[in-house]
């Protein structure tokens, strides 16, 4: 076993950490965190995804090209999310128009 391979103890500790994070996420579901609810949920999800990628997928033990491909995929998703957020934030709410066929009619 090389120094970069994950031991059974490391896998157990990581699995327990993932269960604890999942339980924390479930417990915080009913907590009233206000505006912090979404960022806290995303932070917990990011920690869980990082644990899975580093320990179970063994990204650190792979060749550097695998790490570069993984990082470029993450960067692409981050760019797409940033563009979606920019699109949503910069939109103006259009005024609601009358649906077709329901406009007021002049009877006279």
C-alpha atoms as a PDB file:
ATOM      1  CA  UNK A   1       0.000   0.000   0.000  1.00  0.00           C
ATOM      2  CA  UNK A   2       1.470   3.339  -1.008  1.00  0.00           C
ATOM      3  CA  UNK A   3       1.379   6.403   1.192  1.00  0.00           C
ATOM      4  CA  UNK A   4      -1.262   8.026  -0.979  1.00  0.00           C
ATOM      5  CA  UNK A   5      -3.815   5.196  -0.755  1.00  0.00           C
ATOM      6  CA  UNK A   6      -6.699   5.556   1.648  1.00  0.00           C
ATOM      7  CA  UNK A   7      -6.775   3.232   4.632  1.00  0.00           C
ATOM      8  CA  UNK A   8      -9.877   1.475   5.917  1.00  0.00           C
ATOM      9  CA  UNK A   9      -9.769   3.682   9.015  1.00  0.00           C
ATOM     10  CA  UNK A  10      -9.691   6.797   6.813  1.00  0.00           C
ATOM     11  CA  UNK A  11     -12.681   5.555   4.864  1.00  0.00           C
ATOM     12  CA  UNK A  12     -14.620   4.891   8.071  1.00  0.00           C
ATOM     13  CA  UNK A  13     -13.795   8.328   9.481  1.00  0.00           C
ATOM     14  CA  UNK A  14     -14.844   9.964   6.214  1.00  0.00           C
ATOM     15  CA  UNK A  15     -18.090   7.980   6.101  1.00  0.00           C
ATOM     16  CA  UNK A  16     -18.881   9.003   9.682  1.00  0.00           C
ATOM     17  CA  UNK A  17     -18.126  12.638   8.808  1.00  0.00           C
ATOM     18  CA  UNK A  18     -20.477  12.400   5.824  1.00  0.00           C
ATOM     19  CA  UNK A  19     -23.228  10.941   8.027  1.00  0.00           C
ATOM     20  CA  UNK A  20     -22.713  13.716  10.595  1.00  0.00           C
ATOM     21  CA  UNK A  21     -22.872  16.367   7.868  1.00  0.00           C
ATOM     22  CA  UNK A  22     -26.024  14.781   6.418  1.00  0.00           C
ATOM     23  CA  UNK A  23     -27.597  14.753   9.896  1.00  0.00           C
ATOM     24  CA  UNK A  24     -26.597  18.377  10.416  1.00  0.00           C
ATOM     25  CA  UNK A  25     -28.131  19.294   7.090  1.00  0.00           C
ATOM     26  CA  UNK A  26     -31.340  17.485   8.028  1.00  0.00           C
ATOM     27  CA  UNK A  27     -31.437  19.128  11.465  1.00  0.00           C
ATOM     28  CA  UNK A  28     -30.895  22.587  10.001  1.00  0.00           C
ATOM     29  CA  UNK A  29     -33.742  22.014   7.554  1.00  0.00           C
ATOM     30  CA  UNK A  30     -36.266  22.852  10.254  1.00  0.00           C
ATOM     31  CA  UNK A  31     -34.177  25.631  11.816  1.00  0.00           C
ATOM     32  CA  UNK A  32     -35.087  29.189  10.951  1.00  0.00           C
ATOM     33  CA  UNK A  33     -31.769  30.589   9.727  1.00  0.00           C
ATOM     34  CA  UNK A  34     -33.304  33.347   7.650  1.00  0.00           C
ATOM     35  CA  UNK A  35     -31.048  34.547   4.852  1.00  0.00           C
ATOM     36  CA  UNK A  36     -28.229  32.274   6.051  1.00  0.00           C
ATOM     37  CA  UNK A  37     -30.165  29.088   5.303  1.00  0.00           C
ATOM     38  CA  UNK A  38     -29.072  28.771   1.689  1.00  0.00           C
ATOM     39  CA  UNK A  39     -25.378  29.646   2.215  1.00  0.00           C
ATOM     40  CA  UNK A  40     -25.121  27.217   5.148  1.00  0.00           C
ATOM     41  CA  UNK A  41     -26.723  24.433   3.098  1.00  0.00           C
ATOM     42  CA  UNK A  42     -24.359  25.126   0.187  1.00  0.00           C
ATOM     43  CA  UNK A  43     -21.335  25.129   2.521  1.00  0.00           C
ATOM     44  CA  UNK A  44     -22.332  21.745   3.968  1.00  0.00           C
ATOM     45  CA  UNK A  45     -22.876  20.380   0.448  1.00  0.00           C
ATOM     46  CA  UNK A  46     -19.474  21.693  -0.664  1.00  0.00           C
ATOM     47  CA  UNK A  47     -17.734  20.024   2.290  1.00  0.00           C
ATOM     48  CA  UNK A  48     -19.486  16.731   1.554  1.00  0.00           C
ATOM     49  CA  UNK A  49     -18.593  16.920  -2.150  1.00  0.00           C
ATOM     50  CA  UNK A  50     -14.966  17.697  -1.289  1.00  0.00           C
ATOM     51  CA  UNK A  51     -14.756  14.731   1.085  1.00  0.00           C
ATOM     52  CA  UNK A  52     -16.193  12.402  -1.535  1.00  0.00           C
ATOM     53  CA  UNK A  53     -13.851  13.684  -4.258  1.00  0.00           C
ATOM     54  CA  UNK A  54     -10.699  13.590  -2.143  1.00  0.00           C
ATOM     55  CA  UNK A  55     -11.254  10.367  -0.179  1.00  0.00           C
ATOM     56  CA  UNK A  56     -13.568   8.108  -2.170  1.00  0.00           C
ATOM     57  CA  UNK A  57     -12.612   9.211  -5.698  1.00  0.00           C
ATOM     58  CA  UNK A  58      -8.953   9.527  -4.633  1.00  0.00           C
ATOM     59  CA  UNK A  59      -8.390  12.571  -6.822  1.00  0.00           C
ATOM     60  CA  UNK A  60      -5.169  13.378  -4.944  1.00  0.00           C
ATOM     61  CA  UNK A  61      -3.697   9.940  -5.709  1.00  0.00           C
ATOM     62  CA  UNK A  62      -4.377  10.123  -9.438  1.00  0.00           C
ATOM     63  CA  UNK A  63      -2.116  11.453 -12.157  1.00  0.00           C
ATOM     64  CA  UNK A  64      -1.927  15.261 -12.404  1.00  0.00           C
ATOM     65  CA  UNK A  65      -3.904  15.219 -15.650  1.00  0.00           C
ATOM     66  CA  UNK A  66      -6.893  13.684 -13.858  1.00  0.00           C
ATOM     67  CA  UNK A  67      -6.742  16.453 -11.264  1.00  0.00           C
ATOM     68  CA  UNK A  68      -6.530  19.075 -14.002  1.00  0.00           C
ATOM     69  CA  UNK A  69      -9.545  17.585 -15.785  1.00  0.00           C
ATOM     70  CA  UNK A  70     -11.485  17.468 -12.513  1.00  0.00           C
ATOM     71  CA  UNK A  71     -10.563  21.075 -11.670  1.00  0.00           C
ATOM     72  CA  UNK A  72     -11.502  22.277 -15.149  1.00  0.00           C
ATOM     73  CA  UNK A  73     -14.909  20.619 -14.802  1.00  0.00           C
ATOM     74  CA  UNK A  74     -15.442  22.360 -11.472  1.00  0.00           C
ATOM     75  CA  UNK A  75     -14.333  25.667 -13.024  1.00  0.00           C
ATOM     76  CA  UNK A  76     -16.773  25.225 -15.912  1.00  0.00           C
ATOM     77  CA  UNK A  77     -19.667  24.588 -13.543  1.00  0.00           C
ATOM     78  CA  UNK A  78     -18.646  27.650 -11.485  1.00  0.00           C
ATOM     79  CA  UNK A  79     -18.595  29.818 -14.619  1.00  0.00           C
ATOM     80  CA  UNK A  80     -22.028  28.555 -15.686  1.00  0.00           C
ATOM     81  CA  UNK A  81     -23.490  29.189 -12.226  1.00  0.00           C
ATOM     82  CA  UNK A  82     -21.976  32.698 -12.196  1.00  0.00           C
ATOM     83  CA  UNK A  83     -23.521  33.444 -15.588  1.00  0.00           C
ATOM     84  CA  UNK A  84     -26.938  32.197 -14.459  1.00  0.00           C
ATOM     85  CA  UNK A  85     -26.751  34.312 -11.305  1.00  0.00           C
ATOM     86  CA  UNK A  86     -25.672  37.358 -13.327  1.00  0.00           C
ATOM     87  CA  UNK A  87     -28.584  36.826 -15.714  1.00  0.00           C
ATOM     88  CA  UNK A  88     -31.139  36.525 -12.928  1.00  0.00           C
ATOM     89  CA  UNK A  89     -29.788  39.486 -10.945  1.00  0.00           C
ATOM     90  CA  UNK A  90     -29.731  41.872 -13.908  1.00  0.00           C
ATOM     91  CA  UNK A  91     -33.242  41.148 -15.156  1.00  0.00           C
ATOM     92  CA  UNK A  92     -36.031  43.603 -14.521  1.00  0.00           C
ATOM     93  CA  UNK A  93     -39.477  42.392 -13.644  1.00  0.00           C
ATOM     94  CA  UNK A  94     -41.744  43.114 -16.626  1.00  0.00           C
ATOM     95  CA  UNK A  95     -45.157  44.606 -15.905  1.00  0.00           C
ATOM     96  CA  UNK A  96     -47.968  42.111 -16.113  1.00  0.00           C
ATOM     97  CA  UNK A  97     -50.051  42.630 -19.229  1.00  0.00           C
ATOM     98  CA  UNK A  98     -53.582  41.482 -19.750  1.00  0.00           C
ATOM     99  CA  UNK A  99     -53.685  38.010 -21.282  1.00  0.00           C
ATOM    100  CA  UNK A 100     -54.828  37.887 -24.921  1.00  0.00           C
ATOM    101  CA  UNK A 101     -58.576  38.138 -25.264  1.00  0.00           C
ATOM    102  CA  UNK A 102     -59.169  39.723 -21.843  1.00  0.00           C
ATOM    103  CA  UNK A 103     -58.455  43.374 -22.664  1.00  0.00           C
ATOM    104  CA  UNK A 104     -61.152  45.865 -21.747  1.00  0.00           C
ATOM    105  CA  UNK A 105     -63.463  46.457 -24.677  1.00  0.00           C
ATOM    106  CA  UNK A 106     -65.103  49.748 -25.588  1.00  0.00           C
ATOM    107  CA  UNK A 107     -68.811  49.321 -26.011  1.00  0.00           C
ATOM    108  CA  UNK A 108     -70.396  52.512 -27.011  1.00  0.00           C
END
